[in-house]
Amino acid sequence: MERNDQEYLVQKIRTQYTEKEHTQLDALRALDKKVKRPADVFASVFGSIGAIVIGAGMSLVMTDLGSTLGMTDAMVPGIAVGVVGMLMAIVNYPVYKRILESRRKKYADQVLALSDKITKG
């Protein structure tokens, strides 16, 4: 192993054991996460629920689950449930963007002030 590679590995391991100093850049990253996290969580949860609803509709249409549940014809309810799931999937992204936009407006002053402080020193 070359000398430069050894020094790099030593520095990499060493940084894992030294205490990190909390900087303004860390605060900016934390604020950015605070802005984005609610929109990300909403989109993930709502999208997953939409996918499950689509799957439930497909199961009603394609399997004998409807007869197990006591339905004589599960085609129409299955299609209706699937369409509801598709609508959830369709509106997921616009709602995500709207949540993110409102959070960006709410925290814009703080983010800009902190980023100006970092760039201007």
PDB file of N, CA and C in Angstrom:
ATOM      1  N   MET A   1       0.862  -1.173   0.000  1.00  0.00           N
ATOM      2  CA  MET A   1       0.000   0.000   0.000  1.00  0.00           C
ATOM      3  C   MET A   1       0.907   1.234   0.000  1.00  0.00           C
ATOM      4  N   GLU A   2       0.559   2.185  -0.841  1.00  0.00           N
ATOM      5  CA  GLU A   2       1.371   3.390  -0.946  1.00  0.00           C
ATOM      6  C   GLU A   2       1.216   4.261   0.291  1.00  0.00           C
ATOM      7  N   ARG A   3       2.166   5.139   0.452  1.00  0.00           N
ATOM      8  CA  ARG A   3       2.190   6.028   1.615  1.00  0.00           C
ATOM      9  C   ARG A   3       0.951   6.941   1.655  1.00  0.00           C
ATOM     10  N   ASN A   4       0.549   7.482   0.500  1.00  0.00           N
ATOM     11  CA  ASN A   4      -0.612   8.362   0.445  1.00  0.00           C
ATOM     12  C   ASN A   4      -1.894   7.619   0.827  1.00  0.00           C
ATOM     13  N   ASP A   5      -2.006   6.380   0.377  1.00  0.00           N
ATOM     14  CA  ASP A   5      -3.176   5.582   0.719  1.00  0.00           C
ATOM     15  C   ASP A   5      -3.238   5.312   2.221  1.00  0.00           C
ATOM     16  N   GLN A   6      -2.076   5.036   2.804  1.00  0.00           N
ATOM     17  CA  GLN A   6      -2.038   4.793   4.247  1.00  0.00           C
ATOM     18  C   GLN A   6      -2.440   6.040   5.021  1.00  0.00           C
ATOM     19  N   GLU A   7      -1.925   7.183   4.611  1.00  0.00           N
ATOM     20  CA  GLU A   7      -2.260   8.429   5.297  1.00  0.00           C
ATOM     21  C   GLU A   7      -3.757   8.732   5.184  1.00  0.00           C
ATOM     22  N   TYR A   8      -4.320   8.474   4.019  1.00  0.00           N
ATOM     23  CA  TYR A   8      -5.751   8.695   3.829  1.00  0.00           C
ATOM     24  C   TYR A   8      -6.569   7.805   4.766  1.00  0.00           C
ATOM     25  N   LEU A   9      -6.213   6.528   4.831  1.00  0.00           N
ATOM     26  CA  LEU A   9      -6.936   5.604   5.703  1.00  0.00           C
ATOM     27  C   LEU A   9      -6.786   5.982   7.173  1.00  0.00           C
ATOM     28  N   VAL A  10      -5.589   6.394   7.548  1.00  0.00           N
ATOM     29  CA  VAL A  10      -5.357   6.807   8.932  1.00  0.00           C
ATOM     30  C   VAL A  10      -6.225   8.023   9.261  1.00  0.00           C
ATOM     31  N   GLN A  11      -6.269   8.989   8.376  1.00  0.00           N
ATOM     32  CA  GLN A  11      -7.081  10.192   8.609  1.00  0.00           C
ATOM     33  C   GLN A  11      -8.568   9.843   8.660  1.00  0.00           C
ATOM     34  N   LYS A  12      -8.994   8.946   7.799  1.00  0.00           N
ATOM     35  CA  LYS A  12     -10.398   8.544   7.765  1.00  0.00           C
ATOM     36  C   LYS A  12     -10.793   7.880   9.080  1.00  0.00           C
ATOM     37  N   ILE A  13      -9.960   6.993   9.574  1.00  0.00           N
ATOM     38  CA  ILE A  13     -10.244   6.325  10.847  1.00  0.00           C
ATOM     39  C   ILE A  13     -10.153   7.315  11.998  1.00  0.00           C
ATOM     40  N   ARG A  14      -9.181   8.198  11.951  1.00  0.00           N
ATOM     41  CA  ARG A  14      -8.985   9.175  13.023  1.00  0.00           C
ATOM     42  C   ARG A  14     -10.190  10.114  13.176  1.00  0.00           C
ATOM     43  N   THR A  15     -10.775  10.509  12.060  1.00  0.00           N
ATOM     44  CA  THR A  15     -11.914  11.434  12.133  1.00  0.00           C
ATOM     45  C   THR A  15     -13.130  10.793  12.780  1.00  0.00           C
ATOM     46  N   GLN A  16     -13.212   9.469  12.761  1.00  0.00           N
ATOM     47  CA  GLN A  16     -14.331   8.784  13.400  1.00  0.00           C
ATOM     48  C   GLN A  16     -14.251   8.882  14.920  1.00  0.00           C
ATOM     49  N   TYR A  17     -13.052   9.135  15.461  1.00  0.00           N
ATOM     50  CA  TYR A  17     -12.857   9.143  16.899  1.00  0.00           C
ATOM     51  C   TYR A  17     -12.665  10.536  17.481  1.00  0.00           C
ATOM     52  N   THR A  18     -12.680  11.534  16.656  1.00  0.00           N
ATOM     53  CA  THR A  18     -12.559  12.892  17.166  1.00  0.00           C
ATOM     54  C   THR A  18     -13.934  13.525  17.256  1.00  0.00           C
ATOM     55  N   GLU A  19     -14.113  14.391  18.233  1.00  0.00           N
ATOM     56  CA  GLU A  19     -15.398  15.064  18.380  1.00  0.00           C
ATOM     57  C   GLU A  19     -15.531  16.123  17.307  1.00  0.00           C
ATOM     58  N   LYS A  20     -16.717  16.157  16.740  1.00  0.00           N
ATOM     59  CA  LYS A  20     -16.957  17.135  15.694  1.00  0.00           C
ATOM     60  C   LYS A  20     -17.436  18.434  16.312  1.00  0.00           C
ATOM     61  N   GLU A  21     -16.981  19.495  15.742  1.00  0.00           N
ATOM     62  CA  GLU A  21     -17.398  20.825  16.171  1.00  0.00           C
ATOM     63  C   GLU A  21     -18.658  21.193  15.405  1.00  0.00           C
ATOM     64  N   HIS A  22     -19.661  21.662  16.124  1.00  0.00           N
ATOM     65  CA  HIS A  22     -20.917  22.051  15.480  1.00  0.00           C
ATOM     66  C   HIS A  22     -20.710  23.390  14.775  1.00  0.00           C
ATOM     67  N   THR A  23     -20.852  23.388  13.466  1.00  0.00           N
ATOM     68  CA  THR A  23     -20.626  24.597  12.683  1.00  0.00           C
ATOM     69  C   THR A  23     -21.948  25.154  12.172  1.00  0.00           C
ATOM     70  N   GLN A  24     -21.858  26.310  11.570  1.00  0.00           N
ATOM     71  CA  GLN A  24     -23.048  26.920  10.982  1.00  0.00           C
ATOM     72  C   GLN A  24     -23.538  26.113   9.778  1.00  0.00           C
ATOM     73  N   LEU A  25     -22.608  25.456   9.091  1.00  0.00           N
ATOM     74  CA  LEU A  25     -23.007  24.605   7.965  1.00  0.00           C
ATOM     75  C   LEU A  25     -23.842  23.428   8.460  1.00  0.00           C
ATOM     76  N   ASP A  26     -23.482  22.870   9.616  1.00  0.00           N
ATOM     77  CA  ASP A  26     -24.294  21.803  10.202  1.00  0.00           C
ATOM     78  C   ASP A  26     -25.690  22.314  10.544  1.00  0.00           C
ATOM     79  N   ALA A  27     -25.755  23.534  11.060  1.00  0.00           N
ATOM     80  CA  ALA A  27     -27.055  24.132  11.391  1.00  0.00           C
ATOM     81  C   ALA A  27     -27.886  24.342  10.125  1.00  0.00           C
ATOM     82  N   LEU A  28     -27.237  24.753   9.041  1.00  0.00           N
ATOM     83  CA  LEU A  28     -27.945  24.946   7.771  1.00  0.00           C
ATOM     84  C   LEU A  28     -28.472  23.619   7.230  1.00  0.00           C
ATOM     85  N   ARG A  29     -27.662  22.584   7.313  1.00  0.00           N
ATOM     86  CA  ARG A  29     -28.109  21.259   6.869  1.00  0.00           C
ATOM     87  C   ARG A  29     -29.295  20.771   7.704  1.00  0.00           C
ATOM     88  N   ALA A  30     -29.226  20.986   9.008  1.00  0.00           N
ATOM     89  CA  ALA A  30     -30.320  20.573   9.894  1.00  0.00           C
ATOM     90  C   ALA A  30     -31.601  21.344   9.568  1.00  0.00           C
ATOM     91  N   LEU A  31     -31.460  22.628   9.299  1.00  0.00           N
ATOM     92  CA  LEU A  31     -32.628  23.433   8.942  1.00  0.00           C
ATOM     93  C   LEU A  31     -33.219  22.976   7.612  1.00  0.00           C
ATOM     94  N   ASP A  32     -32.365  22.624   6.659  1.00  0.00           N
ATOM     95  CA  ASP A  32     -32.835  22.123   5.369  1.00  0.00           C
ATOM     96  C   ASP A  32     -33.600  20.808   5.548  1.00  0.00           C
ATOM     97  N   LYS A  33     -33.086  19.932   6.396  1.00  0.00           N
ATOM     98  CA  LYS A  33     -33.790  18.680   6.675  1.00  0.00           C
ATOM     99  C   LYS A  33     -35.128  18.948   7.354  1.00  0.00           C
ATOM    100  N   LYS A  34     -35.140  19.933   8.258  1.00  0.00           N
ATOM    101  CA  LYS A  34     -36.372  20.287   8.961  1.00  0.00           C
ATOM    102  C   LYS A  34     -37.433  20.775   7.981  1.00  0.00           C
ATOM    103  N   VAL A  35     -37.008  21.459   6.939  1.00  0.00           N
ATOM    104  CA  VAL A  35     -37.937  21.955   5.923  1.00  0.00           C
ATOM    105  C   VAL A  35     -38.482  20.796   5.084  1.00  0.00           C
ATOM    106  N   LYS A  36     -37.628  19.881   4.675  1.00  0.00           N
ATOM    107  CA  LYS A  36     -38.009  18.843   3.723  1.00  0.00           C
ATOM    108  C   LYS A  36     -38.645  17.607   4.346  1.00  0.00           C
ATOM    109  N   ARG A  37     -38.322  17.303   5.593  1.00  0.00           N
ATOM    110  CA  ARG A  37     -38.763  16.039   6.191  1.00  0.00           C
ATOM    111  C   ARG A  37     -40.284  15.849   6.208  1.00  0.00           C
ATOM    112  N   PRO A  38     -41.107  16.830   6.632  1.00  0.00           N
ATOM    113  CA  PRO A  38     -42.559  16.580   6.640  1.00  0.00           C
ATOM    114  C   PRO A  38     -43.124  16.245   5.263  1.00  0.00           C
ATOM    115  N   ALA A  39     -42.649  16.913   4.225  1.00  0.00           N
ATOM    116  CA  ALA A  39     -43.130  16.619   2.873  1.00  0.00           C
ATOM    117  C   ALA A  39     -42.692  15.221   2.444  1.00  0.00           C
ATOM    118  N   ASP A  40     -41.463  14.852   2.762  1.00  0.00           N
ATOM    119  CA  ASP A  40     -40.964  13.518   2.406  1.00  0.00           C
ATOM    120  C   ASP A  40     -41.744  12.422   3.127  1.00  0.00           C
ATOM    121  N   VAL A  41     -41.987  12.633   4.415  1.00  0.00           N
ATOM    122  CA  VAL A  41     -42.727  11.626   5.191  1.00  0.00           C
ATOM    123  C   VAL A  41     -44.147  11.499   4.659  1.00  0.00           C
ATOM    124  N   PHE A  42     -44.797  12.631   4.401  1.00  0.00           N
ATOM    125  CA  PHE A  42     -46.155  12.580   3.855  1.00  0.00           C
ATOM    126  C   PHE A  42     -46.181  11.807   2.544  1.00  0.00           C
ATOM    127  N   ALA A  43     -45.282  12.154   1.629  1.00  0.00           N
ATOM    128  CA  ALA A  43     -45.284  11.519   0.308  1.00  0.00           C
ATOM    129  C   ALA A  43     -45.039  10.016   0.426  1.00  0.00           C
ATOM    130  N   SER A  44     -44.148   9.615   1.302  1.00  0.00           N
ATOM    131  CA  SER A  44     -43.857   8.188   1.467  1.00  0.00           C
ATOM    132  C   SER A  44     -45.060   7.439   2.039  1.00  0.00           C
ATOM    133  N   VAL A  45     -45.639   7.979   3.090  1.00  0.00           N
ATOM    134  CA  VAL A  45     -46.763   7.299   3.737  1.00  0.00           C
ATOM    135  C   VAL A  45     -47.994   7.293   2.833  1.00  0.00           C
ATOM    136  N   PHE A  46     -48.334   8.454   2.289  1.00  0.00           N
ATOM    137  CA  PHE A  46     -49.527   8.548   1.442  1.00  0.00           C
ATOM    138  C   PHE A  46     -49.357   7.710   0.173  1.00  0.00           C
ATOM    139  N   GLY A  47     -48.165   7.727  -0.411  1.00  0.00           N
ATOM    140  CA  GLY A  47     -47.911   6.913  -1.603  1.00  0.00           C
ATOM    141  C   GLY A  47     -47.990   5.426  -1.309  1.00  0.00           C
ATOM    142  N   SER A  48     -47.481   5.022  -0.153  1.00  0.00           N
ATOM    143  CA  SER A  48     -47.560   3.606   0.229  1.00  0.00           C
ATOM    144  C   SER A  48     -49.005   3.178   0.447  1.00  0.00           C
ATOM    145  N   ILE A  49     -49.770   4.033   1.109  1.00  0.00           N
ATOM    146  CA  ILE A  49     -51.185   3.715   1.318  1.00  0.00           C
ATOM    147  C   ILE A  49     -51.916   3.629  -0.016  1.00  0.00           C
ATOM    148  N   GLY A  50     -51.610   4.546  -0.928  1.00  0.00           N
ATOM    149  CA  GLY A  50     -52.214   4.501  -2.261  1.00  0.00           C
ATOM    150  C   GLY A  50     -51.877   3.212  -2.993  1.00  0.00           C
ATOM    151  N   ALA A  51     -50.628   2.768  -2.880  1.00  0.00           N
ATOM    152  CA  ALA A  51     -50.226   1.518  -3.534  1.00  0.00           C
ATOM    153  C   ALA A  51     -50.956   0.323  -2.927  1.00  0.00           C
ATOM    154  N   ILE A  52     -51.146   0.349  -1.613  1.00  0.00           N
ATOM    155  CA  ILE A  52     -51.874  -0.743  -0.955  1.00  0.00           C
ATOM    156  C   ILE A  52     -53.337  -0.757  -1.408  1.00  0.00           C
ATOM    157  N   VAL A  53     -53.930   0.429  -1.545  1.00  0.00           N
ATOM    158  CA  VAL A  53     -55.324   0.507  -1.993  1.00  0.00           C
ATOM    159  C   VAL A  53     -55.443   0.001  -3.430  1.00  0.00           C
ATOM    160  N   ILE A  54     -54.503   0.367  -4.286  1.00  0.00           N
ATOM    161  CA  ILE A  54     -54.514  -0.158  -5.664  1.00  0.00           C
ATOM    162  C   ILE A  54     -54.415  -1.683  -5.639  1.00  0.00           C
ATOM    163  N   GLY A  55     -53.513  -2.187  -4.809  1.00  0.00           N
ATOM    164  CA  GLY A  55     -53.353  -3.648  -4.697  1.00  0.00           C
ATOM    165  C   GLY A  55     -54.605  -4.336  -4.187  1.00  0.00           C
ATOM    166  N   ALA A  56     -55.296  -3.690  -3.248  1.00  0.00           N
ATOM    167  CA  ALA A  56     -56.543  -4.278  -2.742  1.00  0.00           C
ATOM    168  C   ALA A  56     -57.578  -4.350  -3.853  1.00  0.00           C
ATOM    169  N   GLY A  57     -57.680  -3.291  -4.644  1.00  0.00           N
ATOM    170  CA  GLY A  57     -58.614  -3.306  -5.773  1.00  0.00           C
ATOM    171  C   GLY A  57     -58.266  -4.381  -6.780  1.00  0.00           C
ATOM    172  N   MET A  58     -56.969  -4.514  -7.066  1.00  0.00           N
ATOM    173  CA  MET A  58     -56.545  -5.548  -8.001  1.00  0.00           C
ATOM    174  C   MET A  58     -56.852  -6.942  -7.454  1.00  0.00           C
ATOM    175  N   SER A  59     -56.682  -7.106  -6.151  1.00  0.00           N
ATOM    176  CA  SER A  59     -56.963  -8.405  -5.539  1.00  0.00           C
ATOM    177  C   SER A  59     -58.442  -8.748  -5.630  1.00  0.00           C
ATOM    178  N   LEU A  60     -59.288  -7.745  -5.449  1.00  0.00           N
ATOM    179  CA  LEU A  60     -60.729  -7.998  -5.581  1.00  0.00           C
ATOM    180  C   LEU A  60     -61.084  -8.418  -7.002  1.00  0.00           C
ATOM    181  N   VAL A  61     -60.451  -7.785  -7.975  1.00  0.00           N
ATOM    182  CA  VAL A  61     -60.777  -8.071  -9.377  1.00  0.00           C
ATOM    183  C   VAL A  61     -60.180  -9.404  -9.834  1.00  0.00           C
ATOM    184  N   MET A  62     -58.957  -9.682  -9.449  1.00  0.00           N
ATOM    185  CA  MET A  62     -58.221 -10.801 -10.049  1.00  0.00           C
ATOM    186  C   MET A  62     -58.256 -12.105  -9.256  1.00  0.00           C
ATOM    187  N   THR A  63     -58.703 -12.070  -8.035  1.00  0.00           N
ATOM    188  CA  THR A  63     -58.713 -13.296  -7.230  1.00  0.00           C
ATOM    189  C   THR A  63     -60.126 -13.592  -6.738  1.00  0.00           C
ATOM    190  N   ASP A  64     -60.240 -14.637  -5.939  1.00  0.00           N
ATOM    191  CA  ASP A  64     -61.543 -14.985  -5.367  1.00  0.00           C
ATOM    192  C   ASP A  64     -61.725 -14.372  -3.979  1.00  0.00           C
ATOM    193  N   LEU A  65     -61.007 -13.314  -3.681  1.00  0.00           N
ATOM    194  CA  LEU A  65     -61.132 -12.627  -2.404  1.00  0.00           C
ATOM    195  C   LEU A  65     -62.542 -12.079  -2.200  1.00  0.00           C
ATOM    196  N   GLY A  66     -63.154 -11.609  -3.274  1.00  0.00           N
ATOM    197  CA  GLY A  66     -64.519 -11.089  -3.187  1.00  0.00           C
ATOM    198  C   GLY A  66     -65.506 -12.141  -2.726  1.00  0.00           C
ATOM    199  N   SER A  67     -65.380 -13.347  -3.249  1.00  0.00           N
ATOM    200  CA  SER A  67     -66.299 -14.412  -2.826  1.00  0.00           C
ATOM    201  C   SER A  67     -66.018 -14.825  -1.386  1.00  0.00           C
ATOM    202  N   THR A  68     -64.780 -14.739  -0.968  1.00  0.00           N
ATOM    203  CA  THR A  68     -64.436 -15.021   0.426  1.00  0.00           C
ATOM    204  C   THR A  68     -65.068 -13.992   1.353  1.00  0.00           C
ATOM    205  N   LEU A  69     -65.142 -12.761   0.882  1.00  0.00           N
ATOM    206  CA  LEU A  69     -65.746 -11.691   1.670  1.00  0.00           C
ATOM    207  C   LEU A  69     -67.264 -11.656   1.549  1.00  0.00           C
ATOM    208  N   GLY A  70     -67.839 -12.527   0.727  1.00  0.00           N
ATOM    209  CA  GLY A  70     -69.291 -12.611   0.588  1.00  0.00           C
ATOM    210  C   GLY A  70     -69.859 -11.786  -0.548  1.00  0.00           C
ATOM    211  N   MET A  71     -69.030 -11.330  -1.460  1.00  0.00           N
ATOM    212  CA  MET A  71     -69.510 -10.551  -2.608  1.00  0.00           C
ATOM    213  C   MET A  71     -69.803 -11.506  -3.751  1.00  0.00           C
ATOM    214  N   THR A  72     -70.931 -11.280  -4.424  1.00  0.00           N
ATOM    215  CA  THR A  72     -71.242 -12.122  -5.575  1.00  0.00           C
ATOM    216  C   THR A  72     -70.451 -11.691  -6.798  1.00  0.00           C
ATOM    217  N   ASP A  73     -70.312 -10.393  -6.992  1.00  0.00           N
ATOM    218  CA  ASP A  73     -69.529  -9.870  -8.112  1.00  0.00           C
ATOM    219  C   ASP A  73     -68.589  -8.795  -7.576  1.00  0.00           C
ATOM    220  N   ALA A  74     -67.302  -9.117  -7.497  1.00  0.00           N
ATOM    221  CA  ALA A  74     -66.326  -8.196  -6.908  1.00  0.00           C
ATOM    222  C   ALA A  74     -65.665  -7.303  -7.953  1.00  0.00           C
ATOM    223  N   MET A  75     -66.076  -7.417  -9.209  1.00  0.00           N
ATOM    224  CA  MET A  75     -65.434  -6.646 -10.275  1.00  0.00           C
ATOM    225  C   MET A  75     -65.641  -5.148 -10.085  1.00  0.00           C
ATOM    226  N   VAL A  76     -66.863  -4.704  -9.924  1.00  0.00           N
ATOM    227  CA  VAL A  76     -67.158  -3.273  -9.809  1.00  0.00           C
ATOM    228  C   VAL A  76     -66.538  -2.671  -8.543  1.00  0.00           C
ATOM    229  N   PRO A  77     -66.722  -3.285  -7.368  1.00  0.00           N
ATOM    230  CA  PRO A  77     -66.063  -2.717  -6.182  1.00  0.00           C
ATOM    231  C   PRO A  77     -64.532  -2.739  -6.297  1.00  0.00           C
ATOM    232  N   GLY A  78     -63.996  -3.776  -6.929  1.00  0.00           N
ATOM    233  CA  GLY A  78     -62.546  -3.853  -7.109  1.00  0.00           C
ATOM    234  C   GLY A  78     -62.017  -2.739  -7.989  1.00  0.00           C
ATOM    235  N   ILE A  79     -62.734  -2.459  -9.069  1.00  0.00           N
ATOM    236  CA  ILE A  79     -62.340  -1.366  -9.955  1.00  0.00           C
ATOM    237  C   ILE A  79     -62.449  -0.035  -9.215  1.00  0.00           C
ATOM    238  N   ALA A  80     -63.524   0.153  -8.447  1.00  0.00           N
ATOM    239  CA  ALA A  80     -63.708   1.401  -7.698  1.00  0.00           C
ATOM    240  C   ALA A  80     -62.573   1.598  -6.684  1.00  0.00           C
ATOM    241  N   VAL A  81     -62.229   0.542  -5.970  1.00  0.00           N
ATOM    242  CA  VAL A  81     -61.132   0.639  -4.987  1.00  0.00           C
ATOM    243  C   VAL A  81     -59.813   0.931  -5.708  1.00  0.00           C
ATOM    244  N   GLY A  82     -59.577   0.278  -6.829  1.00  0.00           N
ATOM    245  CA  GLY A  82     -58.359   0.523  -7.598  1.00  0.00           C
ATOM    246  C   GLY A  82     -58.266   1.949  -8.107  1.00  0.00           C
ATOM    247  N   VAL A  83     -59.378   2.496  -8.560  1.00  0.00           N
ATOM    248  CA  VAL A  83     -59.401   3.876  -9.055  1.00  0.00           C
ATOM    249  C   VAL A  83     -59.111   4.853  -7.914  1.00  0.00           C
ATOM    250  N   VAL A  84     -59.664   4.578  -6.738  1.00  0.00           N
ATOM    251  CA  VAL A  84     -59.365   5.428  -5.580  1.00  0.00           C
ATOM    252  C   VAL A  84     -57.864   5.400  -5.282  1.00  0.00           C
ATOM    253  N   GLY A  85     -57.266   4.228  -5.324  1.00  0.00           N
ATOM    254  CA  GLY A  85     -55.821   4.119  -5.111  1.00  0.00           C
ATOM    255  C   GLY A  85     -55.026   4.857  -6.171  1.00  0.00           C
ATOM    256  N   MET A  86     -55.490   4.782  -7.410  1.00  0.00           N
ATOM    257  CA  MET A  86     -54.798   5.504  -8.484  1.00  0.00           C
ATOM    258  C   MET A  86     -54.904   7.008  -8.295  1.00  0.00           C
ATOM    259  N   LEU A  87     -56.073   7.464  -7.871  1.00  0.00           N
ATOM    260  CA  LEU A  87     -56.234   8.899  -7.602  1.00  0.00           C
ATOM    261  C   LEU A  87     -55.309   9.348  -6.465  1.00  0.00           C
ATOM    262  N   MET A  88     -55.163   8.505  -5.459  1.00  0.00           N
ATOM    263  CA  MET A  88     -54.237   8.830  -4.372  1.00  0.00           C
ATOM    264  C   MET A  88     -52.812   8.957  -4.906  1.00  0.00           C
ATOM    265  N   ALA A  89     -52.433   8.039  -5.785  1.00  0.00           N
ATOM    266  CA  ALA A  89     -51.084   8.092  -6.356  1.00  0.00           C
ATOM    267  C   ALA A  89     -50.899   9.318  -7.241  1.00  0.00           C
ATOM    268  N   ILE A  90     -51.945   9.707  -7.954  1.00  0.00           N
ATOM    269  CA  ILE A  90     -51.861  10.856  -8.854  1.00  0.00           C
ATOM    270  C   ILE A  90     -51.721  12.160  -8.079  1.00  0.00           C
ATOM    271  N   VAL A  91     -52.482  12.316  -6.998  1.00  0.00           N
ATOM    272  CA  VAL A  91     -52.433  13.576  -6.241  1.00  0.00           C
ATOM    273  C   VAL A  91     -51.259  13.634  -5.271  1.00  0.00           C
ATOM    274  N   ASN A  92     -50.562  12.532  -5.086  1.00  0.00           N
ATOM    275  CA  ASN A  92     -49.466  12.502  -4.123  1.00  0.00           C
ATOM    276  C   ASN A  92     -48.385  13.540  -4.442  1.00  0.00           C
ATOM    277  N   TYR A  93     -47.918  13.584  -5.663  1.00  0.00           N
ATOM    278  CA  TYR A  93     -46.836  14.509  -6.013  1.00  0.00           C
ATOM    279  C   TYR A  93     -47.254  15.982  -5.929  1.00  0.00           C
ATOM    280  N   PRO A  94     -48.405  16.374  -6.449  1.00  0.00           N
ATOM    281  CA  PRO A  94     -48.794  17.782  -6.286  1.00  0.00           C
ATOM    282  C   PRO A  94     -48.947  18.197  -4.815  1.00  0.00           C
ATOM    283  N   VAL A  95     -49.486  17.301  -3.992  1.00  0.00           N
ATOM    284  CA  VAL A  95     -49.615  17.631  -2.571  1.00  0.00           C
ATOM    285  C   VAL A  95     -48.236  17.738  -1.927  1.00  0.00           C
ATOM    286  N   TYR A  96     -47.335  16.837  -2.293  1.00  0.00           N
ATOM    287  CA  TYR A  96     -45.952  16.894  -1.800  1.00  0.00           C
ATOM    288  C   TYR A  96     -45.312  18.238  -2.156  1.00  0.00           C
ATOM    289  N   LYS A  97     -45.453  18.641  -3.410  1.00  0.00           N
ATOM    290  CA  LYS A  97     -44.874  19.920  -3.847  1.00  0.00           C
ATOM    291  C   LYS A  97     -45.479  21.090  -3.082  1.00  0.00           C
ATOM    292  N   ARG A  98     -46.784  21.051  -2.832  1.00  0.00           N
ATOM    293  CA  ARG A  98     -47.455  22.128  -2.112  1.00  0.00           C
ATOM    294  C   ARG A  98     -46.966  22.205  -0.664  1.00  0.00           C
ATOM    295  N   ILE A  99     -46.813  21.067  -0.020  1.00  0.00           N
ATOM    296  CA  ILE A  99     -46.298  21.046   1.360  1.00  0.00           C
ATOM    297  C   ILE A  99     -44.880  21.590   1.388  1.00  0.00           C
ATOM    298  N   LEU A 100     -44.049  21.133   0.459  1.00  0.00           N
ATOM    299  CA  LEU A 100     -42.662  21.579   0.414  1.00  0.00           C
ATOM    300  C   LEU A 100     -42.570  23.080   0.139  1.00  0.00           C
ATOM    301  N   GLU A 101     -43.397  23.569  -0.759  1.00  0.00           N
ATOM    302  CA  GLU A 101     -43.395  24.997  -1.081  1.00  0.00           C
ATOM    303  C   GLU A 101     -43.808  25.836   0.132  1.00  0.00           C
ATOM    304  N   SER A 102     -44.815  25.399   0.842  1.00  0.00           N
ATOM    305  CA  SER A 102     -45.255  26.173   2.010  1.00  0.00           C
ATOM    306  C   SER A 102     -44.192  26.154   3.106  1.00  0.00           C
ATOM    307  N   ARG A 103     -43.513  25.035   3.278  1.00  0.00           N
ATOM    308  CA  ARG A 103     -42.449  24.966   4.294  1.00  0.00           C
ATOM    309  C   ARG A 103     -41.251  25.809   3.875  1.00  0.00           C
ATOM    310  N   ARG A 104     -40.962  25.831   2.582  1.00  0.00           N
ATOM    311  CA  ARG A 104     -39.857  26.675   2.114  1.00  0.00           C
ATOM    312  C   ARG A 104     -40.158  28.148   2.346  1.00  0.00           C
ATOM    313  N   LYS A 105     -41.404  28.555   2.109  1.00  0.00           N
ATOM    314  CA  LYS A 105     -41.781  29.945   2.374  1.00  0.00           C
ATOM    315  C   LYS A 105     -41.662  30.258   3.858  1.00  0.00           C
ATOM    316  N   LYS A 106     -42.067  29.321   4.693  1.00  0.00           N
ATOM    317  CA  LYS A 106     -42.050  29.530   6.138  1.00  0.00           C
ATOM    318  C   LYS A 106     -40.626  29.705   6.669  1.00  0.00           C
ATOM    319  N   TYR A 107     -39.678  28.928   6.149  1.00  0.00           N
ATOM    320  CA  TYR A 107     -38.306  28.947   6.659  1.00  0.00           C
ATOM    321  C   TYR A 107     -37.320  29.685   5.757  1.00  0.00           C
ATOM    322  N   ALA A 108     -37.790  30.327   4.708  1.00  0.00           N
ATOM    323  CA  ALA A 108     -36.898  30.977   3.747  1.00  0.00           C
ATOM    324  C   ALA A 108     -36.013  32.030   4.407  1.00  0.00           C
ATOM    325  N   ASP A 109     -36.582  32.856   5.266  1.00  0.00           N
ATOM    326  CA  ASP A 109     -35.793  33.913   5.906  1.00  0.00           C
ATOM    327  C   ASP A 109     -34.662  33.336   6.740  1.00  0.00           C
ATOM    328  N   GLN A 110     -34.956  32.284   7.497  1.00  0.00           N
ATOM    329  CA  GLN A 110     -33.926  31.671   8.335  1.00  0.00           C
ATOM    330  C   GLN A 110     -32.820  31.037   7.493  1.00  0.00           C
ATOM    331  N   VAL A 111     -33.211  30.330   6.436  1.00  0.00           N
ATOM    332  CA  VAL A 111     -32.232  29.665   5.573  1.00  0.00           C
ATOM    333  C   VAL A 111     -31.354  30.695   4.874  1.00  0.00           C
ATOM    334  N   LEU A 112     -31.973  31.737   4.342  1.00  0.00           N
ATOM    335  CA  LEU A 112     -31.201  32.761   3.637  1.00  0.00           C
ATOM    336  C   LEU A 112     -30.275  33.514   4.586  1.00  0.00           C
ATOM    337  N   ALA A 113     -30.751  33.816   5.785  1.00  0.00           N
ATOM    338  CA  ALA A 113     -29.907  34.533   6.751  1.00  0.00           C
ATOM    339  C   ALA A 113     -28.704  33.682   7.147  1.00  0.00           C
ATOM    340  N   LEU A 114     -28.948  32.423   7.408  1.00  0.00           N
ATOM    341  CA  LEU A 114     -27.847  31.540   7.803  1.00  0.00           C
ATOM    342  C   LEU A 114     -26.885  31.291   6.652  1.00  0.00           C
ATOM    343  N   SER A 115     -27.398  31.125   5.443  1.00  0.00           N
ATOM    344  CA  SER A 115     -26.504  30.924   4.303  1.00  0.00           C
ATOM    345  C   SER A 115     -25.702  32.173   3.982  1.00  0.00           C
ATOM    346  N   ASP A 116     -26.317  33.356   4.147  1.00  0.00           N
ATOM    347  CA  ASP A 116     -25.553  34.604   3.957  1.00  0.00           C
ATOM    348  C   ASP A 116     -24.449  34.732   4.987  1.00  0.00           C
ATOM    349  N   LYS A 117     -24.753  34.362   6.225  1.00  0.00           N
ATOM    350  CA  LYS A 117     -23.754  34.423   7.291  1.00  0.00           C
ATOM    351  C   LYS A 117     -22.579  33.492   7.000  1.00  0.00           C
ATOM    352  N   ILE A 118     -22.879  32.306   6.424  1.00  0.00           N
ATOM    353  CA  ILE A 118     -21.823  31.349   6.113  1.00  0.00           C
ATOM    354  C   ILE A 118     -20.975  31.846   4.938  1.00  0.00           C
ATOM    355  N   THR A 119     -21.616  32.336   3.887  1.00  0.00           N
ATOM    356  CA  THR A 119     -20.862  32.741   2.691  1.00  0.00           C
ATOM    357  C   THR A 119     -20.062  34.026   2.924  1.00  0.00           C
ATOM    358  N   LYS A 120     -20.573  34.928   3.752  1.00  0.00           N
ATOM    359  CA  LYS A 120     -19.864  36.176   3.981  1.00  0.00           C
ATOM    360  C   LYS A 120     -18.855  36.081   5.121  1.00  0.00           C
ATOM    361  N   GLY A 121     -18.897  34.976   5.825  1.00  0.00           N
ATOM    362  CA  GLY A 121     -17.909  34.749   6.888  1.00  0.00           C
ATOM    363  C   GLY A 121     -18.258  35.496   8.077  1.00  0.00           C
TER     364      GLY A 121
END
